[in-house]
Protein backbone atom coordinates (compact mmCIF):
# COMPACT_ATOMS: atom_id res chain seq x y z
CA MET A 1 4.27 -81.08 35.92
CA LYS A 2 1.88 -78.67 34.23
CA LYS A 3 2.89 -75.89 36.64
CA ALA A 4 6.52 -75.74 35.46
CA PRO A 5 5.84 -73.78 32.27
CA LEU A 6 3.82 -71.32 34.28
CA ILE A 7 6.69 -70.83 36.72
CA ILE A 8 9.19 -70.45 33.88
CA GLY A 9 6.89 -68.01 32.09
CA ALA A 10 6.47 -65.98 35.24
CA SER A 11 10.25 -65.86 35.69
CA LEU A 12 10.78 -64.70 32.14
CA LEU A 13 8.09 -62.07 32.61
CA SER A 14 9.82 -60.85 35.75
CA VAL A 15 13.19 -60.64 33.97
CA GLY A 16 11.57 -58.75 31.10
CA LEU A 17 9.95 -56.29 33.46
CA ILE A 18 13.21 -55.77 35.32
CA GLY A 19 15.14 -55.33 32.06
CA GLY A 20 12.56 -52.90 30.73
CA GLY A 21 12.73 -50.94 33.97
CA VAL A 22 16.52 -50.71 33.75
CA TYR A 23 16.32 -49.59 30.11
CA ALA A 24 13.69 -46.99 30.98
CA TYR A 25 15.84 -45.77 33.88
CA GLN A 26 18.84 -45.43 31.59
CA GLN A 27 16.82 -43.48 29.10
CA LEU A 28 15.40 -41.17 31.76
CA SER A 29 18.77 -40.71 33.39
CA GLY A 30 20.50 -39.86 30.11
CA GLY A 31 21.63 -43.33 29.01
CA SER A 32 25.15 -44.73 29.29
CA ALA A 33 27.96 -42.35 30.18
CA ILE A 34 30.14 -41.15 27.28
CA GLU A 35 33.89 -40.89 27.56
CA VAL A 36 35.52 -37.45 27.32
CA GLN A 37 39.05 -36.24 26.72
CA PRO A 38 40.82 -33.25 28.33
CA VAL A 39 41.36 -30.55 25.73
CA ALA A 40 44.97 -30.23 26.84
CA TYR A 41 45.63 -33.79 25.55
CA ILE A 42 44.02 -33.33 22.11
CA SER A 43 45.21 -29.82 21.21
CA THR A 44 48.45 -28.23 20.12
CA SER A 45 50.15 -24.86 19.72
CA TRP A 46 51.59 -23.22 16.64
CA TRP A 47 54.32 -20.64 16.21
CA GLY A 48 54.01 -20.23 12.47
CA ASP A 49 55.37 -21.98 9.43
CA VAL A 50 59.12 -22.28 8.98
CA ASN A 51 60.54 -22.04 5.47
CA GLU A 52 63.93 -23.70 5.03
CA SER A 53 65.98 -23.09 1.91
CA ASP A 54 69.51 -22.51 0.72
CA GLY A 55 71.01 -19.14 -0.03
CA TYR A 56 74.38 -17.52 -0.53
CA VAL A 57 76.33 -14.63 0.89
CA THR A 58 77.54 -11.82 -1.35
CA SER A 59 79.37 -8.55 -0.90
CA ASP A 60 78.61 -7.35 -4.41
CA MET A 61 74.99 -6.32 -3.94
CA THR A 62 73.25 -4.05 -6.44
CA GLN A 63 69.78 -2.59 -5.98
CA GLU A 64 67.88 -1.78 -9.17
CA VAL A 65 64.72 0.30 -8.79
CA MET A 66 62.21 -0.29 -11.57
CA LEU A 67 59.32 2.17 -11.97
CA GLN A 68 55.89 0.72 -11.13
CA ASP A 69 53.11 0.74 -13.69
CA ARG A 70 50.31 3.32 -13.42
CA LYS A 71 52.23 5.32 -10.80
CA VAL A 72 53.52 8.86 -11.14
CA ILE A 73 56.80 9.99 -9.58
CA LYS A 74 56.22 12.79 -7.11
CA GLU A 75 59.83 13.42 -6.12
CA VAL A 76 63.32 11.94 -6.57
CA LEU A 77 65.27 12.25 -3.33
CA VAL A 78 68.81 11.19 -4.39
CA GLN A 79 71.35 12.02 -7.07
CA GLU A 80 74.24 10.19 -8.70
CA GLY A 81 77.29 9.72 -6.48
CA GLN A 82 75.32 10.16 -3.27
CA GLN A 83 76.14 7.86 -0.34
CA VAL A 84 73.08 6.08 1.10
CA SER A 85 72.39 3.63 3.91
CA ILE A 86 69.84 0.88 4.30
CA ASN A 87 66.30 2.30 4.61
CA ASP A 88 67.18 5.74 3.23
CA PRO A 89 64.40 7.07 0.88
CA LEU A 90 65.25 7.14 -2.81
CA LEU A 91 62.03 8.37 -4.47
CA VAL A 92 58.35 8.97 -3.65
CA TYR A 93 55.32 8.19 -5.82
CA ASP A 94 52.24 10.42 -5.94
CA SER A 95 49.58 9.19 -3.48
CA THR A 96 46.48 11.00 -4.78
CA LEU A 97 44.85 8.08 -6.57
CA VAL A 98 45.73 5.54 -3.91
CA GLU A 99 44.40 7.74 -1.09
CA LEU A 100 41.18 8.24 -3.06
CA GLU A 101 40.90 4.45 -3.42
CA LEU A 102 41.46 4.07 0.33
CA GLU A 103 38.72 6.59 1.12
CA MET A 104 36.25 4.80 -1.16
CA GLN A 105 37.14 1.50 0.49
CA ARG A 106 36.50 2.97 3.92
CA LEU A 107 33.08 4.16 2.76
CA THR A 108 32.38 0.63 1.54
CA ILE A 109 33.33 -0.75 4.96
CA GLU A 110 31.07 1.74 6.76
CA SER A 111 28.20 0.88 4.41
CA LEU A 112 28.67 -2.84 5.09
CA LYS A 113 28.70 -2.19 8.85
CA VAL A 114 25.40 -0.32 8.59
CA ASN A 115 23.87 -3.11 6.51
CA ILE A 116 25.06 -5.77 8.97
CA ASP A 117 23.65 -3.88 11.97
CA SER A 118 20.36 -3.34 10.14
CA ALA A 119 20.12 -7.03 9.15
CA LYS A 120 20.83 -8.12 12.73
CA ARG A 121 18.07 -5.84 14.05
CA GLN A 122 15.70 -7.29 11.48
CA LEU A 123 16.69 -10.82 12.52
CA GLN A 124 16.10 -9.93 16.16
CA LYS A 125 12.67 -8.62 15.27
CA LEU A 126 11.85 -11.77 13.30
CA ASN A 127 12.99 -13.95 16.21
CA SER A 128 10.64 -12.07 18.54
CA THR A 129 7.69 -12.24 16.11
CA GLN A 130 4.92 -14.62 17.08
CA PRO A 131 3.65 -16.78 14.20
CA ILE A 132 -0.05 -16.87 13.42
CA ALA A 133 -2.16 -19.98 13.03
CA LYS A 134 -2.88 -21.13 9.49
CA SER A 135 -6.57 -21.44 8.72
CA GLU A 136 -7.70 -23.99 6.14
CA GLY A 137 -10.72 -22.02 4.98
CA ASN A 138 -8.96 -18.65 5.10
CA PRO A 139 -5.40 -18.76 3.70
CA VAL A 140 -3.06 -16.34 5.45
CA THR A 141 -1.58 -13.49 3.48
CA THR A 142 1.32 -11.28 4.47
CA MET A 143 -0.16 -8.24 2.75
CA PRO A 144 -2.81 -6.05 4.40
CA VAL A 145 -5.89 -6.52 2.23
CA SER A 146 -8.40 -3.79 1.49
CA PHE A 147 -11.41 -5.16 -0.38
CA THR A 148 -12.89 -2.99 -3.14
CA ARG A 149 -16.26 -1.68 -2.03
CA THR A 150 -19.11 -0.68 -4.37
CA ARG A 151 -21.39 2.27 -3.90
CA THR A 152 -25.06 1.42 -3.57
CA THR A 153 -26.12 4.68 -5.24
CA GLU A 154 -24.05 4.86 -8.41
CA GLY A 155 -22.46 1.45 -8.62
CA GLU A 156 -18.98 3.02 -8.96
CA GLN A 157 -15.94 1.36 -7.44
CA GLU A 158 -14.04 3.19 -4.75
CA GLU A 159 -10.40 4.03 -5.41
CA VAL A 160 -8.05 2.54 -2.83
CA LEU A 161 -4.32 3.29 -2.49
CA THR A 162 -2.53 0.04 -1.54
CA TYR A 163 0.96 -1.45 -1.65
CA ALA A 164 0.46 -2.39 -5.32
CA THR A 165 -0.65 1.09 -6.49
CA ALA A 166 1.40 2.17 -9.53
CA LEU A 167 3.51 5.34 -9.09
CA THR A 168 4.96 7.56 -11.82
CA PRO A 169 8.78 7.93 -11.59
CA LEU A 170 10.26 11.41 -12.17
CA GLU A 171 13.71 12.40 -13.46
CA ASP A 172 14.89 13.63 -10.04
CA GLY A 173 14.33 10.20 -8.49
CA THR A 174 11.01 11.07 -6.83
CA TYR A 175 7.53 9.84 -7.78
CA SER A 176 4.13 11.39 -8.49
CA LEU A 177 0.52 10.27 -8.25
CA GLU A 178 -2.84 11.90 -8.98
CA VAL A 179 -5.80 10.79 -6.89
CA LYS A 180 -9.22 12.00 -5.78
CA ALA A 181 -9.51 13.34 -2.26
CA SER A 182 -12.33 10.91 -1.57
CA ALA A 183 -10.13 7.87 -2.30
CA LYS A 184 -9.21 5.49 0.48
CA LEU A 185 -5.60 5.32 1.74
CA ASN A 186 -4.51 1.92 3.10
CA VAL A 187 -1.65 1.58 5.59
CA SER A 188 0.20 -0.74 3.17
CA PHE A 189 0.59 2.26 0.82
CA LEU A 190 2.48 4.11 3.57
CA TYR A 191 4.62 1.02 4.24
CA ARG A 192 5.73 1.10 0.61
CA LEU A 193 6.69 4.80 0.85
CA LYS A 194 8.86 3.97 3.86
CA GLY A 195 10.58 1.12 1.95
CA LEU A 196 9.13 -1.60 4.20
CA ASP A 197 7.56 -4.90 3.26
CA GLU A 198 3.79 -5.39 2.99
CA VAL A 199 3.33 -5.75 6.74
CA GLY A 200 5.74 -3.02 7.79
CA GLN A 201 8.22 -5.35 9.50
CA THR A 202 11.31 -5.50 7.26
CA GLN A 203 13.20 -2.75 5.41
CA ILE A 204 13.54 -3.97 1.81
CA SER A 205 14.29 -0.75 -0.11
CA GLN A 206 15.08 2.95 0.23
CA PRO A 207 12.23 5.30 1.28
CA ILE A 208 10.28 7.04 -1.49
CA GLN A 209 9.40 10.73 -1.86
CA LEU A 210 5.97 11.16 -3.46
CA SER A 211 4.20 14.25 -4.84
CA LEU A 212 0.50 13.48 -4.33
CA THR A 213 -1.96 15.59 -6.36
CA LEU A 214 -5.41 15.65 -4.71
CA LEU A 215 -8.49 16.33 -6.86
CA SER A 216 -12.09 16.97 -5.94
CA ASP A 217 -14.66 14.56 -7.36
CA ASP A 218 -15.21 16.76 -10.41
CA GLY A 219 -11.46 17.04 -11.02
CA SER A 220 -11.16 20.74 -10.13
CA GLN A 221 -9.08 22.56 -7.51
CA PRO A 222 -6.02 20.30 -7.37
CA MET A 223 -3.93 20.37 -4.25
CA ILE A 224 -0.38 18.96 -4.03
CA LYS A 225 0.91 17.20 -0.93
CA VAL A 226 4.43 15.79 -0.52
CA LEU A 227 4.95 12.52 1.37
CA ASP A 228 8.58 11.81 2.31
CA GLY A 229 8.97 8.15 3.30
CA SER A 230 12.18 8.82 5.26
CA SER A 231 10.33 11.04 7.78
CA LEU A 232 6.84 9.58 7.46
CA GLU A 233 5.15 8.60 10.72
CA ILE A 234 2.28 6.12 10.69
CA PRO A 235 -0.26 6.56 13.51
CA ALA A 236 -0.77 3.57 15.78
CA GLU A 237 -3.71 1.29 14.91
CA PHE A 238 -4.00 3.03 11.53
CA ILE A 239 -5.46 0.80 8.80
CA GLU A 240 -7.43 2.83 6.25
CA ILE A 241 -8.92 6.32 5.87
CA THR A 242 -9.88 8.76 3.14
CA VAL A 243 -7.06 10.81 1.66
CA SER A 244 -8.66 14.11 2.65
CA ASP A 245 -9.07 13.03 6.26
CA TYR A 246 -5.50 11.75 6.36
CA PHE A 247 -4.24 15.25 5.59
CA LYS A 248 -6.69 16.68 8.18
CA GLU A 249 -8.30 19.18 5.88
CA SER A 250 -11.21 19.38 3.43
CA ILE A 251 -11.13 20.17 -0.26
CA PRO A 252 -13.17 23.35 -0.95
CA ASP A 253 -15.76 23.75 -3.67
CA GLU A 254 -14.83 25.50 -6.88
CA PRO A 255 -15.27 29.26 -6.17
CA GLU A 256 -17.89 31.19 -8.09
CA GLN A 257 -16.35 33.40 -10.76
CA ASN A 258 -17.81 36.15 -13.05
CA GLN A 259 -21.25 36.07 -11.37
CA PRO A 260 -23.77 38.61 -12.90
CA ASP A 261 -24.65 41.68 -10.92
CA HIS A 262 -28.01 41.60 -9.15
CA GLU A 263 -29.91 43.78 -6.77
CA GLU A 264 -29.38 43.01 -3.13
CA LYS A 265 -32.51 43.01 -1.01
CA PRO A 266 -32.26 45.24 2.04
CA ASP A 267 -33.34 42.55 4.48
CA GLN A 268 -31.14 39.84 2.91
CA LYS A 269 -27.99 38.88 4.77
CA PRO A 270 -24.99 37.42 3.00
CA GLU A 271 -24.61 33.72 3.44
CA GLU A 272 -21.91 32.70 5.87
CA GLU A 273 -19.54 29.93 4.77
CA PRO A 274 -19.76 26.99 7.13
CA GLU A 275 -16.75 26.67 9.42
CA GLN A 276 -14.53 23.72 8.55
CA PRO A 277 -14.00 21.28 11.39
CA THR A 278 -10.43 20.72 12.57
CA CYS A 279 -8.92 18.24 14.99
CA PRO A 280 -5.19 19.10 15.37
CA GLU A 281 -4.74 17.07 18.54
CA GLN A 282 -6.02 13.80 17.09
CA PRO A 283 -3.83 11.47 14.96
CA VAL A 284 -6.74 10.79 12.61
CA CYS A 285 -9.69 13.17 12.18
CA PRO A 286 -13.23 11.80 12.34
CA GLU A 287 -14.78 11.51 8.95
CA GLN A 288 -16.40 14.77 7.78
CA PRO A 289 -18.24 15.77 4.56
CA ILE A 290 -15.78 16.76 1.88
CA TYR A 291 -18.00 19.53 0.52
CA PRO A 292 -19.86 21.84 2.88
CA ASP A 293 -23.01 22.07 0.72
CA GLN A 294 -23.16 18.37 0.00
CA GLU A 295 -25.03 15.85 2.05
CA PRO A 296 -22.87 13.12 3.60
CA GLU A 297 -22.57 10.06 1.45
CA GLU A 298 -24.16 6.89 2.54
CA GLU A 299 -21.72 4.36 3.96
CA PRO A 300 -21.05 1.96 1.12
CA ASP A 301 -22.38 -1.50 1.65
CA ILE A 302 -20.03 -4.45 1.68
CA SER A 303 -21.26 -7.50 -0.11
CA PRO A 304 -22.16 -10.18 2.45
CA ASP A 305 -20.67 -12.81 0.15
CA LEU A 306 -17.09 -11.47 0.59
CA PRO A 307 -14.84 -13.57 2.84
CA ASP A 308 -13.61 -12.31 6.18
CA LEU A 309 -10.42 -10.25 6.18
CA PRO A 310 -7.42 -12.57 6.48
CA GLN A 311 -5.08 -12.36 9.44
CA GLU A 312 -1.93 -10.27 9.12
CA GLY A 313 1.47 -11.83 9.88
CA TYR A 314 3.52 -14.92 9.10
CA THR A 315 2.85 -18.57 9.65
CA LYS A 316 5.42 -20.69 11.48
CA GLU A 317 6.83 -22.02 8.21
CA GLU A 318 7.00 -18.58 6.58
CA LEU A 319 8.68 -17.11 9.66
CA ALA A 320 11.27 -19.92 9.76
CA GLN A 321 12.08 -19.33 6.09
CA LEU A 322 12.46 -15.57 6.61
CA ILE A 323 14.74 -16.14 9.60
CA GLN A 324 16.97 -18.53 7.64
CA GLU A 325 17.15 -16.13 4.69
CA LYS A 326 18.10 -13.29 7.03
CA LYS A 327 20.83 -15.44 8.64
CA THR A 328 22.23 -16.24 5.20
CA GLU A 329 22.17 -12.55 4.30
CA ILE A 330 24.08 -11.69 7.49
CA GLN A 331 26.71 -14.37 6.80
CA THR A 332 27.22 -13.01 3.27
CA LEU A 333 27.51 -9.43 4.54
CA GLU A 334 30.00 -10.43 7.23
CA LEU A 335 32.12 -12.24 4.65
CA ASP A 336 32.06 -9.16 2.40
CA TYR A 337 33.01 -7.07 5.43
CA LYS A 338 36.08 -9.24 6.18
CA GLU A 339 37.16 -9.10 2.54
CA ALA A 340 36.73 -5.31 2.55
CA LEU A 341 38.96 -5.04 5.65
CA LEU A 342 41.64 -7.12 3.96
CA LYS A 343 41.48 -4.90 0.89
CA GLU A 344 41.79 -1.82 3.11
CA GLU A 345 44.95 -3.23 4.71
CA LYS A 346 46.34 -3.97 1.25
CA ILE A 347 45.76 -0.37 0.14
CA LYS A 348 47.36 0.94 3.35
CA LYS A 349 50.40 -1.21 2.69
CA GLU A 350 50.53 0.12 -0.86
CA ILE A 351 50.54 3.69 0.51
CA GLU A 352 53.44 2.78 2.82
CA ASN A 353 55.34 1.40 -0.17
CA LEU A 354 54.95 4.62 -2.16
CA THR A 355 58.31 5.63 -0.72
CA VAL A 356 61.06 3.48 -2.24
CA ARG A 357 63.99 2.95 0.15
CA SER A 358 67.53 1.73 -0.20
CA SER A 359 68.12 -1.93 0.59
CA VAL A 360 71.92 -1.67 0.68
CA ASN A 361 74.69 0.48 2.13
CA GLY A 362 76.37 1.97 -0.89
CA VAL A 363 76.60 4.63 -3.57
CA VAL A 364 73.93 5.77 -6.06
CA LYS A 365 75.29 4.90 -9.50
CA LYS A 366 72.35 6.01 -11.66
CA VAL A 367 69.29 8.27 -11.44
CA GLY A 368 66.87 8.60 -14.36
CA ASP A 369 64.89 11.61 -15.58
CA PRO A 370 61.41 11.76 -13.92
CA SER A 371 59.92 13.35 -17.06
CA VAL A 372 61.16 10.46 -19.21
CA GLY A 373 60.98 7.51 -16.81
CA SER A 374 62.55 4.14 -17.54
CA ILE A 375 63.81 3.44 -21.04
CA GLU A 376 63.14 -0.03 -22.48
CA GLY A 377 62.64 -1.58 -19.08
CA SER A 378 65.96 -0.41 -17.64
CA ALA A 379 66.36 0.47 -13.96
CA PHE A 380 65.49 4.04 -12.98
CA ILE A 381 67.80 4.11 -9.94
CA VAL A 382 70.83 1.87 -9.32
CA VAL A 383 72.60 1.61 -5.96
CA SER A 384 75.77 -0.49 -5.52
CA SER A 385 76.94 -1.74 -2.15
CA ASP A 386 80.35 -0.69 -0.86
CA SER A 387 80.44 -2.44 2.54
CA GLY A 388 79.05 -5.42 4.44
CA LEU A 389 77.73 -8.83 3.43
CA TYR A 390 74.23 -9.65 2.18
CA LEU A 391 72.12 -12.79 2.01
CA LYS A 392 70.10 -13.76 -1.03
CA GLY A 393 67.28 -16.26 -0.37
CA THR A 394 63.67 -17.05 -1.27
CA LEU A 395 60.22 -17.01 0.34
CA THR A 396 57.21 -19.15 -0.54
CA GLU A 397 54.06 -17.56 -1.96
CA TYR A 398 52.29 -18.34 1.34
CA GLN A 399 54.87 -16.39 3.32
CA LEU A 400 54.83 -13.44 0.96
CA ASN A 401 51.95 -11.78 2.85
CA GLU A 402 53.32 -12.74 6.28
CA VAL A 403 56.99 -11.73 6.00
CA GLU A 404 57.96 -8.11 5.51
CA PRO A 405 61.14 -5.95 5.41
CA GLY A 406 62.75 -5.57 8.80
CA GLN A 407 62.04 -9.16 9.85
CA MET A 408 64.95 -11.29 11.06
CA VAL A 409 66.01 -14.59 9.48
CA GLU A 410 68.40 -17.24 10.75
CA VAL A 411 71.49 -18.07 8.68
CA MET A 412 73.77 -21.08 9.26
CA SER A 413 77.05 -21.77 7.46
CA TRP A 414 78.08 -25.38 6.91
CA ASP A 415 81.68 -24.18 6.38
CA THR A 416 82.07 -22.35 9.69
CA GLY A 417 79.37 -24.17 11.68
CA ASN A 418 78.19 -20.84 13.08
CA SER A 419 74.75 -19.21 13.00
CA TYR A 420 74.07 -15.60 12.06
CA ILE A 421 71.10 -13.21 12.09
CA ALA A 422 70.16 -11.22 9.00
CA SER A 423 67.56 -8.46 8.59
CA ILE A 424 65.39 -8.49 5.45
CA THR A 425 65.83 -5.26 3.49
CA GLU A 426 63.90 -6.02 0.28
CA ILE A 427 61.40 -8.55 -1.07
CA TYR A 428 61.01 -8.76 -4.83
CA PRO A 429 57.43 -8.97 -6.19
CA TYR A 430 58.20 -11.45 -8.99
CA PRO A 431 58.77 -15.23 -8.62
CA VAL A 432 61.96 -17.07 -9.53
CA ASP A 433 63.04 -20.70 -9.86
CA ASP A 434 64.67 -22.08 -6.71
CA PRO A 435 65.67 -25.73 -7.25
CA TYR A 436 67.59 -25.84 -3.94
CA SER A 437 64.62 -25.09 -1.63
CA TYR A 438 62.96 -27.76 0.49
CA GLY A 439 59.30 -28.74 0.68
CA ASN A 440 56.67 -28.41 -2.01
CA GLN A 441 58.32 -27.62 -5.34
CA ASN A 442 54.97 -26.60 -6.85
CA VAL A 443 54.84 -23.49 -4.66
CA SER A 444 56.13 -20.25 -6.21
CA LYS A 445 59.26 -18.71 -4.65
CA TYR A 446 60.04 -15.00 -4.32
CA PRO A 447 63.59 -13.67 -3.80
CA PHE A 448 64.55 -11.47 -0.87
CA VAL A 449 67.69 -9.65 0.30
CA ALA A 450 68.84 -9.51 3.93
CA TYR A 451 71.75 -7.63 5.50
CA ILE A 452 74.09 -9.58 7.82
CA GLU A 453 75.30 -7.08 10.38
CA ASP A 454 77.75 -9.40 12.17
CA ALA A 455 79.28 -11.47 9.35
CA THR A 456 82.37 -12.75 11.16
CA ASP A 457 84.03 -15.72 9.34
CA LEU A 458 81.59 -15.41 6.39
CA LYS A 459 83.07 -14.93 2.94
CA ASN A 460 81.77 -13.74 -0.40
CA ASN A 461 79.74 -16.36 -2.39
CA MET A 462 79.59 -18.75 0.59
CA SER A 463 76.55 -21.09 0.60
CA VAL A 464 74.37 -21.03 3.71
CA SER A 465 71.15 -22.55 5.08
CA VAL A 466 68.28 -20.11 5.66
CA ARG A 467 65.37 -20.44 8.06
CA VAL A 468 62.51 -17.92 7.81
CA GLN A 469 59.97 -17.96 10.67
CA GLU A 470 56.49 -16.63 9.87
CA ASN A 471 55.16 -13.90 12.13
CA VAL A 472 52.23 -15.07 14.27
CA GLU A 473 49.88 -12.57 15.93
CA ASN A 474 48.87 -14.93 18.74
CA SER A 475 51.39 -17.68 19.47
CA ASN A 476 49.25 -18.81 22.45
CA ALA A 477 46.25 -19.69 20.29
CA LEU A 478 44.57 -23.08 20.90
CA TYR A 479 44.35 -25.61 18.06
CA LEU A 480 41.97 -28.52 18.71
CA ASP A 481 41.96 -31.91 17.00
CA MET A 482 39.34 -31.60 14.25
CA ALA A 483 37.95 -35.05 15.11
CA TYR A 484 36.36 -33.49 18.20
CA ILE A 485 34.75 -30.60 16.30
CA GLY A 486 31.28 -31.20 14.82
CA ASP A 487 29.64 -29.38 11.95
CA GLU A 488 25.96 -28.46 11.76
CA ASN A 489 24.98 -26.60 8.60
CA GLY A 490 28.28 -24.73 8.63
CA ARG A 491 28.26 -24.01 12.37
CA LYS A 492 31.04 -25.62 14.40
CA PHE A 493 30.29 -27.17 17.80
CA VAL A 494 31.71 -29.43 20.49
CA TYR A 495 30.17 -31.51 23.28
CA LYS A 496 31.91 -30.44 26.46
CA VAL A 497 31.43 -31.25 30.15
CA ASP A 498 29.40 -28.82 32.27
CA GLU A 499 29.56 -28.20 36.04
CA ASP A 500 27.37 -31.28 36.68
CA PHE A 501 29.74 -33.45 34.60
CA ARG A 502 27.15 -33.86 31.88
CA LEU A 503 27.59 -33.13 28.19
CA LYS A 504 26.44 -29.85 26.74
CA LYS A 505 26.43 -28.88 23.07
CA GLU A 506 28.49 -25.70 22.65
CA TYR A 507 28.74 -23.72 19.40
CA ILE A 508 32.23 -22.32 18.87
CA GLN A 509 34.11 -19.85 16.70
CA THR A 510 36.99 -21.30 14.68
CA GLY A 511 39.88 -20.03 12.58
CA LYS A 512 42.63 -21.48 10.42
CA VAL A 513 43.57 -25.15 10.01
CA ILE A 514 47.16 -26.28 10.61
CA TYR A 515 48.89 -29.57 9.84
CA GLY A 516 45.70 -30.62 8.07
CA SER A 517 44.09 -31.92 11.28
CA TYR A 518 43.99 -29.13 13.89
CA MET A 519 41.61 -26.17 13.87
CA GLU A 520 42.14 -22.85 15.62
CA ILE A 521 39.64 -22.17 18.45
CA LEU A 522 38.69 -18.49 18.71
CA SER A 523 36.02 -18.88 21.41
CA GLY A 524 33.93 -21.52 23.17
CA VAL A 525 36.67 -23.93 24.34
CA ASN A 526 39.78 -23.63 26.53
CA GLU A 527 42.48 -25.99 27.77
CA ASP A 528 40.64 -26.68 31.05
CA ASP A 529 37.59 -28.14 29.28
CA GLN A 530 36.85 -31.79 28.51
CA VAL A 531 35.15 -32.77 25.25
CA ALA A 532 33.60 -35.88 23.70
CA PHE A 533 33.69 -37.23 20.17
CA PRO A 534 30.70 -35.35 18.64
CA TYR A 535 29.37 -38.28 16.61
CA THR A 536 29.26 -40.87 19.38
CA LYS A 537 26.08 -42.96 19.31
CA ASN A 538 23.25 -41.55 21.48
CA ILE A 539 25.20 -38.38 22.30
CA LYS A 540 23.03 -35.40 23.26
CA ASP A 541 22.65 -32.68 25.86
CA GLY A 542 22.43 -33.96 29.42
CA VAL A 543 24.16 -37.32 28.89
CA LYS A 544 26.53 -38.27 31.71
CA ALA A 545 30.25 -37.93 30.99
CA LYS A 546 33.10 -40.09 32.22
CA GLU A 547 36.83 -39.70 31.96
CA MET A 548 38.57 -41.89 29.41
CA THR A 549 40.44 -44.71 31.19
CA ASN A 550 42.60 -45.96 28.32
CA MET A 551 43.77 -42.49 27.34
CA TRP A 552 47.26 -43.62 26.39
CA GLY A 553 46.16 -46.84 24.68
CA TYR A 554 46.93 -49.27 27.60
């Protein structure tokens, strides 16, 4: 009887081991399979918004041309009594200012493109940069450090040109600096002239042009050297060197002047000036005495108590922060670029509209004086129709940028039961009240005029129903149910099935939202794919996928 608990315990232990093994197997094999849906079943198409409203047909159509503010008339092309047809030019505005605005906008776009390309190259360089290890006893710095050394003979401090050296700005936008030829020049100083950061990895400003005045130790015999950061080349492995050696030449002694006459001994030969060493084929000359008659200085001692030079570079955390900042900068630049393109298109459209055209077939009843313009807000040109029937309707403020003159609209008469096609000839830029339109009454409505070419059975002042279809650039675009689109810090993604029928996280490009629940897919997903709900429990890369069995709810 005492063995029963042991047997039961052993059985439970066996079940636990088996259960644990199954759980471990599931974890190693990707866990339970997750159901997926074919994209074709959870997506839709879109052919543009349809605006339905009421309108009326009229034969008495009058076009009144009002002069636009801040625009100058270049030429009037019609005169009173002249017969005109739809789309005939009536007047032309001067395009000088608008074309100048377009050229400036194009320069802005080119500048943004250059900045985006530069930022992407910098991001690529940051992504390929290896982080350095952080030392507890020696904090890492991103700036090349040059410790100040003291001379053992005189106790004077050496002058060192570094990234933080103050420069004197000049009126022409350049800079100047006065320094002794014996001063040390650190590579970080050259990075600053080139507009780079302290380690020479990222362009953070425009290059600098510097006029460098070199002095001998006693302040005599100045020599001016110009350093242009835009064309400056930094030798490989260069860290620090004296200014005189950097320019590969020595600073001569002050010449003797007004020496007294003296008798020259017959056997005395004039002293020959020592030949100055040169090394044109080397990137950096070996250190030479600055003055030919002066003994070489002793190498200054470095205090043994100074810490070791810190490593150059970025830690893992610093590098991650720089990468994220660069990504944010690129996103901002790309948004500015898209807005600049939209503004360019708007200016182009404005240039196209500088020519005012007739919207009716009729006779010119009035033409104003270009030197006077409109008087008290009256029309400058008036054209009255003399044939045909016209439709007067409205557009919503959302369709204003999508619908343009020349587009066809569908007209249906409740009296005749027939449908007709009308061509838009003019869209007015000011809103009006339209109590007879359908849909959202809080949306502004803009009037338009359309010409009905075949107006059989239609009569003057007859009410009609109007359908305006928005133009769509790509009617075959894919719109996916937003429930299957995940968001990760602003980046859209889906979990779709790969060739092994396992889930894979795929980042996608998206566009507009329609019907409040479908998002346009620009890239990353097509109708042949299968996707899973992105927030399913335990979903991750590599998890097995299975087709949904109750797809239709039964």
